[in-house]
Amino acid sequence: MATIKALHPAYFITNDRTESTINLWDRFLEFADSQKPNRTLWFFIVLMVHGVLILPLPAVLMYYFNAPVWVLSVTMTAFFANIIANMAGGTTRTTLTLFAASILAHLIMLLIFTI
């Protein structure tokens, strides 16, 4: 038997506007989540970049620009944090976040001691 429903959803006016704010952090996390199949590749990229570009940086800064010794401790801490996070089975988010943080820290140190 067909009856009239008084509270039919078509009778209500709803303002279901969802404001989507996409910031840089959310885009980075989205990218990191999409890189899950390439986790081993990112492990090797982190190892290569740290080994070739970042590990020689404190020697250059300390020898040519008279940087303090704590530059070496920052570099070694970042290097071993990245290796431990990767070898312990951290997520791709962890790998890429630590990698980006270490790159940023070393760029800041490079700018501080060369300018």
C-alpha atoms as a PDB file:
ATOM      1  CA  MET A   1       0.000   0.000   0.000  1.00  0.00           C
ATOM      2  CA  ALA A   2       1.444   3.354  -1.003  1.00  0.00           C
ATOM      3  CA  THR A   3       1.484   5.963   1.721  1.00  0.00           C
ATOM      4  CA  ILE A   4       2.703   9.491   1.838  1.00  0.00           C
ATOM      5  CA  LYS A   5       5.770   9.884   3.988  1.00  0.00           C
ATOM      6  CA  ALA A   6       5.878  13.197   5.791  1.00  0.00           C
ATOM      7  CA  LEU A   7       9.627  13.188   6.292  1.00  0.00           C
ATOM      8  CA  HIS A   8      10.787  12.399   2.808  1.00  0.00           C
ATOM      9  CA  PRO A   9      14.419  13.536   2.217  1.00  0.00           C
ATOM     10  CA  ALA A  10      13.456  15.522  -0.859  1.00  0.00           C
ATOM     11  CA  TYR A  11      11.538  17.985   1.326  1.00  0.00           C
ATOM     12  CA  PHE A  12      14.614  19.052   3.270  1.00  0.00           C
ATOM     13  CA  ILE A  13      17.034  21.641   2.022  1.00  0.00           C
ATOM     14  CA  THR A  14      20.553  20.746   2.940  1.00  0.00           C
ATOM     15  CA  ASN A  15      23.690  22.718   2.471  1.00  0.00           C
ATOM     16  CA  ASP A  16      26.163  19.887   2.185  1.00  0.00           C
ATOM     17  CA  ARG A  17      28.999  21.953   0.878  1.00  0.00           C
ATOM     18  CA  THR A  18      32.223  20.440   2.042  1.00  0.00           C
ATOM     19  CA  GLU A  19      35.128  22.785   1.893  1.00  0.00           C
ATOM     20  CA  SER A  20      38.160  20.887   0.834  1.00  0.00           C
ATOM     21  CA  THR A  21      41.395  22.493   1.857  1.00  0.00           C
ATOM     22  CA  ILE A  22      44.321  20.763   0.293  1.00  0.00           C
ATOM     23  CA  ASN A  23      47.537  21.892   1.861  1.00  0.00           C
ATOM     24  CA  LEU A  24      51.095  20.896   1.116  1.00  0.00           C
ATOM     25  CA  TRP A  25      51.317  18.425   4.010  1.00  0.00           C
ATOM     26  CA  ASP A  26      48.207  16.513   2.874  1.00  0.00           C
ATOM     27  CA  ARG A  27      49.542  16.353  -0.667  1.00  0.00           C
ATOM     28  CA  PHE A  28      52.864  15.034   0.636  1.00  0.00           C
ATOM     29  CA  LEU A  29      51.120  12.341   2.685  1.00  0.00           C
ATOM     30  CA  GLU A  30      49.003  11.405  -0.311  1.00  0.00           C
ATOM     31  CA  PHE A  31      52.148  11.062  -2.406  1.00  0.00           C
ATOM     32  CA  ALA A  32      53.856   9.001   0.308  1.00  0.00           C
ATOM     33  CA  ASP A  33      50.882   6.665   0.525  1.00  0.00           C
ATOM     34  CA  SER A  34      50.880   6.207  -3.239  1.00  0.00           C
ATOM     35  CA  GLN A  35      54.549   5.173  -3.143  1.00  0.00           C
ATOM     36  CA  LYS A  36      53.956   2.068  -1.042  1.00  0.00           C
ATOM     37  CA  PRO A  37      54.762  -0.338  -3.915  1.00  0.00           C
ATOM     38  CA  ASN A  38      58.088   1.473  -4.433  1.00  0.00           C
ATOM     39  CA  ARG A  39      59.245   1.143  -0.836  1.00  0.00           C
ATOM     40  CA  THR A  40      62.471  -0.694  -1.694  1.00  0.00           C
ATOM     41  CA  LEU A  41      63.308   1.867  -4.370  1.00  0.00           C
ATOM     42  CA  TRP A  42      62.923   4.670  -1.837  1.00  0.00           C
ATOM     43  CA  PHE A  43      65.179   2.793   0.572  1.00  0.00           C
ATOM     44  CA  PHE A  44      67.920   2.683  -2.060  1.00  0.00           C
ATOM     45  CA  ILE A  45      67.361   6.320  -3.054  1.00  0.00           C
ATOM     46  CA  VAL A  46      67.716   7.387   0.588  1.00  0.00           C
ATOM     47  CA  LEU A  47      70.894   5.329   0.941  1.00  0.00           C
ATOM     48  CA  MET A  48      72.410   6.722  -2.252  1.00  0.00           C
ATOM     49  CA  VAL A  49      71.591  10.355  -1.557  1.00  0.00           C
ATOM     50  CA  HIS A  50      72.842  10.137   2.007  1.00  0.00           C
ATOM     51  CA  GLY A  51      75.978   8.274   1.015  1.00  0.00           C
ATOM     52  CA  VAL A  52      76.923  10.413  -1.959  1.00  0.00           C
ATOM     53  CA  LEU A  53      75.669  13.903  -1.146  1.00  0.00           C
ATOM     54  CA  ILE A  54      74.947  14.274   2.549  1.00  0.00           C
ATOM     55  CA  LEU A  55      77.705  12.317   4.320  1.00  0.00           C
ATOM     56  CA  PRO A  56      80.565  14.297   2.685  1.00  0.00           C
ATOM     57  CA  LEU A  57      78.865  17.591   3.528  1.00  0.00           C
ATOM     58  CA  PRO A  58      80.119  17.916   7.145  1.00  0.00           C
ATOM     59  CA  ALA A  59      83.689  17.273   6.020  1.00  0.00           C
ATOM     60  CA  VAL A  60      83.425  20.070   3.468  1.00  0.00           C
ATOM     61  CA  LEU A  61      81.730  22.425   5.915  1.00  0.00           C
ATOM     62  CA  MET A  62      84.177  21.697   8.726  1.00  0.00           C
ATOM     63  CA  TYR A  63      87.326  21.862   6.587  1.00  0.00           C
ATOM     64  CA  TYR A  64      86.582  24.773   4.266  1.00  0.00           C
ATOM     65  CA  PHE A  65      84.077  26.850   6.242  1.00  0.00           C
ATOM     66  CA  ASN A  66      85.168  26.145   9.857  1.00  0.00           C
ATOM     67  CA  ALA A  67      81.811  24.701  10.880  1.00  0.00           C
ATOM     68  CA  PRO A  68      81.480  23.347  14.433  1.00  0.00           C
ATOM     69  CA  VAL A  69      81.612  19.641  15.270  1.00  0.00           C
ATOM     70  CA  TRP A  70      77.874  19.398  15.925  1.00  0.00           C
ATOM     71  CA  VAL A  71      77.368  19.448  12.138  1.00  0.00           C
ATOM     72  CA  LEU A  72      78.867  15.967  12.049  1.00  0.00           C
ATOM     73  CA  SER A  73      76.538  14.758  14.825  1.00  0.00           C
ATOM     74  CA  VAL A  74      73.472  16.112  13.002  1.00  0.00           C
ATOM     75  CA  THR A  75      74.555  14.350   9.823  1.00  0.00           C
ATOM     76  CA  MET A  76      75.253  11.026  11.518  1.00  0.00           C
ATOM     77  CA  THR A  77      71.989  11.168  13.483  1.00  0.00           C
ATOM     78  CA  ALA A  78      69.992  11.837  10.310  1.00  0.00           C
ATOM     79  CA  PHE A  79      71.831   9.094   8.439  1.00  0.00           C
ATOM     80  CA  PHE A  80      71.308   6.421  11.078  1.00  0.00           C
ATOM     81  CA  ALA A  81      67.711   7.486  11.719  1.00  0.00           C
ATOM     82  CA  ASN A  82      66.948   6.969   8.036  1.00  0.00           C
ATOM     83  CA  ILE A  83      68.698   3.597   7.919  1.00  0.00           C
ATOM     84  CA  ILE A  84      67.048   2.331  11.100  1.00  0.00           C
ATOM     85  CA  ALA A  85      63.600   3.506   9.976  1.00  0.00           C
ATOM     86  CA  ASN A  86      63.990   1.711   6.651  1.00  0.00           C
ATOM     87  CA  MET A  87      65.516  -1.486   7.979  1.00  0.00           C
ATOM     88  CA  ALA A  88      63.016  -1.731  10.827  1.00  0.00           C
ATOM     89  CA  GLY A  89      60.143  -1.778   8.365  1.00  0.00           C
ATOM     90  CA  GLY A  90      58.840   1.746   8.755  1.00  0.00           C
ATOM     91  CA  THR A  91      56.106   2.908   6.465  1.00  0.00           C
ATOM     92  CA  THR A  92      56.741   4.875   3.321  1.00  0.00           C
ATOM     93  CA  ARG A  93      55.420   7.938   5.113  1.00  0.00           C
ATOM     94  CA  THR A  94      58.137   7.538   7.728  1.00  0.00           C
ATOM     95  CA  THR A  95      60.826   6.994   5.133  1.00  0.00           C
ATOM     96  CA  LEU A  96      59.917  10.013   3.050  1.00  0.00           C
ATOM     97  CA  THR A  97      59.299  12.277   6.049  1.00  0.00           C
ATOM     98  CA  LEU A  98      62.683  11.481   7.598  1.00  0.00           C
ATOM     99  CA  PHE A  99      64.360  11.854   4.232  1.00  0.00           C
ATOM    100  CA  ALA A 100      62.752  15.253   3.631  1.00  0.00           C
ATOM    101  CA  ALA A 101      63.626  16.389   7.164  1.00  0.00           C
ATOM    102  CA  SER A 102      67.259  15.411   6.754  1.00  0.00           C
ATOM    103  CA  ILE A 103      67.507  17.120   3.354  1.00  0.00           C
ATOM    104  CA  LEU A 104      65.961  20.268   4.831  1.00  0.00           C
ATOM    105  CA  ALA A 105      68.288  20.233   7.857  1.00  0.00           C
ATOM    106  CA  HIS A 106      71.326  19.862   5.653  1.00  0.00           C
ATOM    107  CA  LEU A 107      70.230  22.592   3.272  1.00  0.00           C
ATOM    108  CA  ILE A 108      69.785  24.918   6.244  1.00  0.00           C
ATOM    109  CA  MET A 109      73.240  24.016   7.568  1.00  0.00           C
ATOM    110  CA  LEU A 110      74.731  24.564   4.125  1.00  0.00           C
ATOM    111  CA  LEU A 111      73.134  27.998   3.885  1.00  0.00           C
ATOM    112  CA  ILE A 112      74.163  28.988   7.417  1.00  0.00           C
ATOM    113  CA  PHE A 113      77.826  28.109   7.055  1.00  0.00           C
ATOM    114  CA  THR A 114      78.431  29.190   3.477  1.00  0.00           C
ATOM    115  CA  ILE A 115      76.754  32.607   3.613  1.00  0.00           C
END
